[in-house]
Structure formats: C-alpha cells, structure tokens
Amino acid sequence: EHDHPNALEFLRNDIVNVTDFFEKKEVCTMSYHELFNFVADLNITESNMQEYLDKAQAVAAYREEQGGQTASDQVEEEVFKRIFIPRTLDQVTNVERDLFRAD
C-alpha cells in the first residue's frame, strides 16, 4: 500500500533483502538504488518495461564483468540503505542545507 507512512521504508527493506538473497545465489542483480527506481518510477509502463529491464540487465552484467561493485558503489549502496526518503515535499524543510550536507 503506497499510502502507508512507511511504505518507502518497507520497499527499501524488501529490495535490500531480495537483492542480498539473489547475490548470495550468485545471480546478477541491479543495485539497491537501481531496483528502487525501477519499482517506484511511475513512468515505467507495460509498454516500456521490457526495454528498461533489458538496459538494467546490461548495466548489471557489465558491472559484474568489471569485477562487481567498486568501493564507491558499495558506499553509495550503504548510504541508500540509511538515507531518509521523503514522501512529500512537506518533508523537505531546507533543500539548500540538505543538499549541502549530502555533498
């Protein structure tokens, strides 16, 4: 249910758990952030879903061919697991300050 106040947190936790499960089985996966964007992107429809998935699979396969995630990628994944995800603009109180802190 997307109206639940913790819906995005639940989604993120599910993404981490599912991705970790398949990585342990040595299955090539999207990053947490890539999978989150796929699930949450309202612009992905039945008509363009396969094209999106084909591109995502190519990116994931290339990453694996290059030896997996870089140290920078791993840091970004850890940040994604912990960062606050606002559901509405009302939850963003000071954009400039928050952007400065993110850098």
Protein backbone atom coordinates (compact mmCIF):
# COMPACT_ATOMS: atom_id res chain seq x y z
CA GLU A 1 0.00 0.00 0.00
CA HIS A 2 1.66 3.21 -1.15
CA ASP A 3 -0.37 5.36 1.27
CA HIS A 4 1.21 3.84 4.35
CA PRO A 5 3.56 6.34 6.07
CA ASN A 6 6.41 3.81 6.00
CA ALA A 7 5.74 2.42 2.51
CA LEU A 8 9.05 3.61 1.06
CA GLU A 9 10.99 2.25 4.04
CA PHE A 10 9.25 -1.12 3.66
CA LEU A 11 10.04 -1.10 -0.06
CA ARG A 12 13.68 -0.29 0.57
CA ASN A 13 13.98 -3.07 3.18
CA ASP A 14 12.37 -5.57 0.80
CA ILE A 15 14.73 -4.51 -2.00
CA VAL A 16 17.77 -4.97 0.22
CA ASN A 17 16.59 -8.40 1.41
CA VAL A 18 15.65 -9.69 -2.05
CA THR A 19 18.83 -8.37 -3.67
CA ASP A 20 21.02 -9.81 -0.93
CA PHE A 21 19.28 -13.19 -1.27
CA PHE A 22 19.94 -13.39 -5.01
CA GLU A 23 23.50 -12.10 -4.70
CA LYS A 24 24.22 -14.96 -2.28
CA LYS A 25 22.97 -17.31 -5.01
CA GLU A 26 25.44 -15.55 -7.39
CA VAL A 27 22.66 -14.09 -9.54
CA CYS A 28 23.46 -10.84 -11.33
CA THR A 29 21.28 -8.12 -9.77
CA MET A 30 20.54 -4.45 -10.05
CA SER A 31 21.90 -2.23 -7.31
CA TYR A 32 19.53 -1.35 -4.48
CA HIS A 33 19.05 2.11 -5.90
CA GLU A 34 18.52 0.86 -9.46
CA LEU A 35 15.87 -1.61 -8.31
CA PHE A 36 14.19 1.01 -6.11
CA ASN A 37 14.00 3.38 -9.08
CA PHE A 38 12.54 0.61 -11.25
CA VAL A 39 9.81 -0.19 -8.74
CA ALA A 40 8.99 3.41 -7.81
CA ASP A 41 9.23 5.06 -11.26
CA LEU A 42 5.71 5.95 -12.39
CA ASN A 43 6.99 6.48 -15.96
CA ILE A 44 7.68 2.77 -16.41
CA THR A 45 4.67 1.16 -18.01
CA GLU A 46 3.81 -2.19 -19.56
CA SER A 47 4.84 -0.79 -22.94
CA ASN A 48 8.38 0.25 -21.94
CA MET A 49 9.10 -2.15 -19.07
CA GLN A 50 10.98 -4.76 -21.12
CA GLU A 51 13.23 -2.12 -22.69
CA TYR A 52 14.01 -0.75 -19.22
CA LEU A 53 14.76 -4.22 -17.87
CA ASP A 54 16.99 -5.06 -20.84
CA LYS A 55 19.06 -1.92 -20.21
CA ALA A 56 19.20 -2.62 -16.47
CA GLN A 57 20.34 -6.18 -17.13
CA ALA A 58 23.07 -4.91 -19.46
CA VAL A 59 24.29 -2.46 -16.79
CA ALA A 60 24.31 -5.16 -14.11
CA ALA A 61 26.09 -7.64 -16.40
CA TYR A 62 28.73 -5.05 -17.32
CA ARG A 63 29.28 -4.28 -13.64
CA GLU A 64 29.82 -8.00 -12.97
CA GLU A 65 32.22 -8.30 -15.91
CA GLN A 66 34.23 -5.46 -14.39
CA GLY A 67 34.58 -7.32 -11.11
CA GLY A 68 31.43 -6.24 -9.30
CA GLN A 69 30.72 -3.06 -7.43
CA THR A 70 33.52 -0.59 -6.91
CA ALA A 71 34.30 0.74 -3.44
CA SER A 72 32.41 3.90 -4.38
CA ASP A 73 29.39 1.84 -5.48
CA GLN A 74 29.44 -0.01 -2.17
CA VAL A 75 29.48 3.26 -0.24
CA GLU A 76 26.56 4.55 -2.30
CA GLU A 77 24.61 1.36 -1.55
CA GLU A 78 25.22 1.76 2.19
CA VAL A 79 24.14 5.40 2.04
CA PHE A 80 21.00 4.43 0.13
CA LYS A 81 20.13 1.87 2.81
CA ARG A 82 20.21 4.56 5.50
CA ILE A 83 19.20 7.84 3.89
CA PHE A 84 15.82 9.42 4.63
CA ILE A 85 13.43 9.21 1.68
CA PRO A 86 10.81 11.98 1.82
CA ARG A 87 7.33 11.01 0.64
CA THR A 88 6.15 14.57 0.08
CA LEU A 89 7.70 17.99 -0.43
CA ASP A 90 6.41 18.93 3.02
CA GLN A 91 9.02 16.55 4.46
CA VAL A 92 11.80 18.53 2.77
CA THR A 93 12.29 21.52 5.02
CA ASN A 94 15.52 23.10 3.78
CA VAL A 95 16.63 21.92 0.35
CA GLU A 96 19.81 24.00 0.19
CA ARG A 97 21.02 22.84 3.61
CA ASP A 98 20.18 19.21 2.90
CA LEU A 99 21.93 19.28 -0.48
CA PHE A 100 24.99 20.83 1.13
CA ARG A 101 25.06 18.09 3.76
CA ALA A 102 24.73 15.41 1.07
CA ASP A 103 27.92 16.59 -0.66
